[in-house]
Protein backbone atom coordinates (compact mmCIF):
# COMPACT_ATOMS: atom_id res chain seq x y z
CA VAL A 1 13.86 7.09 20.14
CA GLN A 2 11.74 10.57 19.38
CA LEU A 3 12.80 13.83 18.39
CA VAL A 4 10.68 16.74 18.54
CA VAL A 5 11.37 19.60 16.88
CA THR A 6 10.14 23.08 18.48
CA GLY A 7 10.67 26.71 17.16
CA GLY A 8 10.15 27.82 13.93
CA GLY A 9 7.79 30.22 12.60
CA LEU A 10 7.64 33.62 10.52
CA VAL A 11 10.31 36.44 10.14
CA GLN A 12 11.39 38.88 8.12
CA THR A 13 14.57 39.14 5.53
CA GLY A 14 16.99 39.49 8.42
CA GLY A 15 16.13 38.06 11.01
CA SER A 16 17.01 35.37 13.14
CA LEU A 17 14.77 31.97 14.98
CA GLY A 18 15.76 29.61 16.69
CA LEU A 19 15.34 25.30 16.49
CA SER A 20 15.28 22.75 18.91
CA CYS A 21 15.37 19.19 18.78
CA THR A 22 15.16 17.35 21.64
CA ALA A 23 15.28 13.50 21.91
CA SER A 24 13.84 10.63 23.87
CA GLY A 25 14.47 7.29 24.14
CA ILE A 26 18.05 7.71 24.10
CA PRO A 27 20.06 6.87 27.14
CA SER A 28 21.73 9.65 28.72
CA ASP A 29 25.12 8.21 28.81
CA TYR A 30 24.88 7.48 24.75
CA PHE A 31 23.70 10.71 23.69
CA PRO A 32 26.73 12.39 23.72
CA LEU A 33 27.72 9.72 21.01
CA TYR A 34 25.20 10.46 18.62
CA GLN A 35 25.21 12.62 15.59
CA PHE A 36 22.70 15.10 14.81
CA GLY A 37 22.19 16.82 11.76
CA TRP A 38 19.82 19.56 10.56
CA PHE A 39 18.25 19.20 7.19
CA ARG A 40 15.29 21.25 5.06
CA GLN A 41 12.92 20.93 2.75
CA ALA A 42 11.69 23.51 0.50
CA PRO A 43 8.35 23.24 -1.45
CA GLY A 44 9.06 21.34 -4.80
CA LYS A 45 12.68 20.86 -4.02
CA GLU A 46 14.68 17.93 -2.44
CA ARG A 47 15.33 17.83 0.89
CA GLU A 48 19.16 19.13 1.82
CA GLY A 49 21.31 18.63 4.62
CA VAL A 50 21.86 22.11 6.48
CA SER A 51 24.29 21.31 9.33
CA CYS A 52 25.63 18.55 11.53
CA ILE A 53 27.17 17.86 15.10
CA ARG A 54 28.82 14.67 15.62
CA GLY A 55 29.41 13.24 18.98
CA ASP A 56 33.59 14.19 19.05
CA GLU A 57 31.77 17.82 18.71
CA SER A 58 33.28 18.11 14.97
CA ILE A 59 30.55 20.02 12.95
CA VAL A 60 29.78 21.02 9.34
CA TYR A 61 27.28 23.48 7.22
CA SER A 62 26.50 23.32 4.18
CA ASP A 63 27.53 26.33 1.74
CA SER A 64 24.45 28.12 1.93
CA VAL A 65 24.20 28.54 5.54
CA LYS A 66 27.83 29.03 6.48
CA GLY A 67 28.47 32.17 8.72
CA ARG A 68 24.80 32.50 9.38
CA PHE A 69 23.34 29.32 11.25
CA THR A 70 24.94 27.89 14.42
CA ILE A 71 24.87 24.37 15.26
CA SER A 72 25.16 23.48 19.07
CA ARG A 73 24.26 20.59 21.45
CA ASP A 74 23.25 19.98 25.29
CA ASN A 75 24.03 16.78 25.93
CA ALA A 76 22.66 17.54 29.67
CA LYS A 77 19.43 18.06 28.12
CA ASN A 78 19.27 15.63 25.34
CA THR A 79 18.97 18.55 22.95
CA VAL A 80 20.49 19.91 19.84
CA TYR A 81 19.94 23.72 18.71
CA LEU A 82 20.14 25.65 15.12
CA GLN A 83 20.32 29.45 15.64
CA MET A 84 19.58 30.86 11.94
CA ASN A 85 20.58 34.87 11.65
CA SER A 86 20.55 36.60 9.01
CA LEU A 87 17.52 34.83 7.48
CA LYS A 88 17.14 35.20 3.81
CA PRO A 89 13.72 33.96 1.79
CA LYS A 90 15.32 31.23 0.25
CA ASP A 91 16.18 29.78 3.93
CA THR A 92 11.80 29.12 3.80
CA ALA A 93 11.66 25.35 4.23
CA ALA A 94 10.30 22.79 6.38
CA TYR A 95 13.22 21.95 8.85
CA PHE A 96 14.02 18.54 10.31
CA CYS A 97 16.45 17.34 13.04
CA ALA A 98 17.58 13.55 12.75
CA THR A 99 20.02 11.34 14.56
CA GLY A 100 22.71 11.16 11.79
CA CYS A 101 24.38 13.48 9.25
CA SER A 102 22.46 11.82 5.68
CA ASP A 103 19.67 11.09 4.16
CA SER A 104 20.30 7.55 5.66
CA ALA A 105 19.47 8.43 9.27
CA LEU A 106 17.71 6.31 11.37
CA TYR A 107 15.61 8.93 13.43
CA TRP A 108 13.59 11.87 12.07
CA GLY A 109 11.39 14.30 14.06
CA ARG A 110 8.20 16.35 12.31
CA GLY A 111 9.28 19.15 10.63
CA THR A 112 8.81 22.81 11.75
CA GLN A 113 7.97 25.33 9.09
CA VAL A 114 10.23 27.96 8.64
CA ASN A 115 9.13 31.58 6.31
CA VAL A 116 11.15 34.33 5.80
CA SER A 117 9.19 37.22 4.44
CA SER A 118 10.97 39.93 1.73
């Protein structure tokens, strides 16, 4: 299983960015059953969970992003998305997706950097 993360970049405070995480190696029939999580890690800080979407479409967000970030999935495209609005400098971090909603997730994509300037 490989997860390819795209998106990220530099944005001003209050701006928006979208991230995509496309999975390969998961049979199309099984992809909808997987849960996917978005995580982030800022310099000098521990990795934290941002959002998770489960196979039953249930969703959780961390308190720090609730109301600003939206996770979604397109099972036909084997892709999970993270739409980030009203970005703040504290959102600056490397963002990762994984096949799970905790640090014990089995597969991880390479991080993509999000920088929010003040």
